[in-house]
């Protein structure tokens, strides 16, 4: 994502935390990339059935988003 100008918050290699975000990440003990897929889908290669999976946002990421005002 960083290569297209959208670094991930919490990415220790390519992300940009800055003072404000870095402080918040430490305060919340958020120690991972802020990346979540609410829904994924694909066509099964053998059965050709469409499969889809949904997942609620994890509580730690929801708290991060709340604090960021997202």
C-alpha atoms as a PDB file:
ATOM      1  CA  UNK A   1       0.000   0.000   0.000  1.00  0.00           C
ATOM      2  CA  UNK A   2       2.875   2.364   0.742  1.00  0.00           C
ATOM      3  CA  UNK A   3       4.090   2.037  -2.841  1.00  0.00           C
ATOM      4  CA  UNK A   4       0.852   3.644  -4.061  1.00  0.00           C
ATOM      5  CA  UNK A   5       0.915   6.374  -1.408  1.00  0.00           C
ATOM      6  CA  UNK A   6      -1.315   4.755   1.204  1.00  0.00           C
ATOM      7  CA  UNK A   7       0.876   3.351   3.992  1.00  0.00           C
ATOM      8  CA  UNK A   8      -0.877   1.272   6.631  1.00  0.00           C
ATOM      9  CA  UNK A   9      -1.101   2.628  10.127  1.00  0.00           C
ATOM     10  CA  UNK A  10       0.823   0.295  12.413  1.00  0.00           C
ATOM     11  CA  UNK A  11       3.040  -1.167   9.681  1.00  0.00           C
ATOM     12  CA  UNK A  12       6.514  -1.224  11.264  1.00  0.00           C
ATOM     13  CA  UNK A  13       8.318  -1.441   7.915  1.00  0.00           C
ATOM     14  CA  UNK A  14       6.449   0.744   5.421  1.00  0.00           C
ATOM     15  CA  UNK A  15       3.971   2.668   7.558  1.00  0.00           C
ATOM     16  CA  UNK A  16       4.154   6.231   8.782  1.00  0.00           C
ATOM     17  CA  UNK A  17       3.164   6.630  12.409  1.00  0.00           C
ATOM     18  CA  UNK A  18       4.311  10.164  13.106  1.00  0.00           C
ATOM     19  CA  UNK A  19       4.234  11.586  16.612  1.00  0.00           C
ATOM     20  CA  UNK A  20       0.445  11.803  16.915  1.00  0.00           C
ATOM     21  CA  UNK A  21      -0.419   8.377  15.548  1.00  0.00           C
ATOM     22  CA  UNK A  22       2.603   6.707  17.115  1.00  0.00           C
ATOM     23  CA  UNK A  23       1.585   7.970  20.552  1.00  0.00           C
ATOM     24  CA  UNK A  24      -1.989   6.743  20.052  1.00  0.00           C
ATOM     25  CA  UNK A  25      -0.818   3.309  18.871  1.00  0.00           C
ATOM     26  CA  UNK A  26       1.343   2.956  21.982  1.00  0.00           C
ATOM     27  CA  UNK A  27      -1.418   4.206  24.269  1.00  0.00           C
ATOM     28  CA  UNK A  28      -3.875   1.654  22.853  1.00  0.00           C
ATOM     29  CA  UNK A  29      -1.181  -1.051  22.711  1.00  0.00           C
ATOM     30  CA  UNK A  30      -2.085  -1.532  19.051  1.00  0.00           C
ATOM     31  CA  UNK A  31       0.808  -3.667  17.792  1.00  0.00           C
ATOM     32  CA  UNK A  32      -0.232  -4.690  14.308  1.00  0.00           C
ATOM     33  CA  UNK A  33      -1.187  -3.288  10.941  1.00  0.00           C
ATOM     34  CA  UNK A  34      -4.511  -1.471  10.856  1.00  0.00           C
ATOM     35  CA  UNK A  35      -5.826  -3.612   8.031  1.00  0.00           C
ATOM     36  CA  UNK A  36      -9.156  -5.427   8.011  1.00  0.00           C
ATOM     37  CA  UNK A  37     -11.297  -7.041   5.328  1.00  0.00           C
ATOM     38  CA  UNK A  38     -14.985  -6.675   6.183  1.00  0.00           C
ATOM     39  CA  UNK A  39     -15.876  -9.005   3.328  1.00  0.00           C
ATOM     40  CA  UNK A  40     -13.953 -11.270   0.967  1.00  0.00           C
ATOM     41  CA  UNK A  41     -15.254 -13.380  -1.855  1.00  0.00           C
ATOM     42  CA  UNK A  42     -14.029 -15.598  -4.650  1.00  0.00           C
ATOM     43  CA  UNK A  43     -15.152 -18.350  -6.990  1.00  0.00           C
ATOM     44  CA  UNK A  44     -14.019 -21.783  -5.833  1.00  0.00           C
ATOM     45  CA  UNK A  45     -11.585 -23.147  -8.440  1.00  0.00           C
ATOM     46  CA  UNK A  46     -13.100 -26.653  -8.465  1.00  0.00           C
ATOM     47  CA  UNK A  47     -16.799 -26.302  -7.646  1.00  0.00           C
ATOM     48  CA  UNK A  48     -17.152 -22.881  -9.316  1.00  0.00           C
ATOM     49  CA  UNK A  49     -19.415 -21.836  -6.442  1.00  0.00           C
ATOM     50  CA  UNK A  50     -19.079 -18.273  -5.241  1.00  0.00           C
ATOM     51  CA  UNK A  51     -17.861 -18.163  -1.662  1.00  0.00           C
ATOM     52  CA  UNK A  52     -18.045 -15.080   0.502  1.00  0.00           C
ATOM     53  CA  UNK A  53     -16.953 -14.403   4.038  1.00  0.00           C
ATOM     54  CA  UNK A  54     -17.806 -11.482   6.292  1.00  0.00           C
ATOM     55  CA  UNK A  55     -16.107 -10.436   9.486  1.00  0.00           C
ATOM     56  CA  UNK A  56     -16.920  -7.716  11.988  1.00  0.00           C
ATOM     57  CA  UNK A  57     -14.209  -5.235  12.808  1.00  0.00           C
ATOM     58  CA  UNK A  58     -12.062  -6.460  15.717  1.00  0.00           C
ATOM     59  CA  UNK A  59     -12.588  -4.526  18.968  1.00  0.00           C
ATOM     60  CA  UNK A  60      -9.022  -3.189  19.052  1.00  0.00           C
ATOM     61  CA  UNK A  61      -9.347  -1.731  15.567  1.00  0.00           C
ATOM     62  CA  UNK A  62     -12.793  -0.307  16.321  1.00  0.00           C
ATOM     63  CA  UNK A  63     -11.316   1.479  19.333  1.00  0.00           C
ATOM     64  CA  UNK A  64      -8.494   2.808  17.144  1.00  0.00           C
ATOM     65  CA  UNK A  65     -10.993   4.088  14.568  1.00  0.00           C
ATOM     66  CA  UNK A  66     -13.119   5.662  17.305  1.00  0.00           C
ATOM     67  CA  UNK A  67     -10.109   7.493  18.706  1.00  0.00           C
ATOM     68  CA  UNK A  68      -9.078   8.644  15.225  1.00  0.00           C
ATOM     69  CA  UNK A  69     -12.603   9.836  14.465  1.00  0.00           C
ATOM     70  CA  UNK A  70     -12.954   7.547  11.438  1.00  0.00           C
END
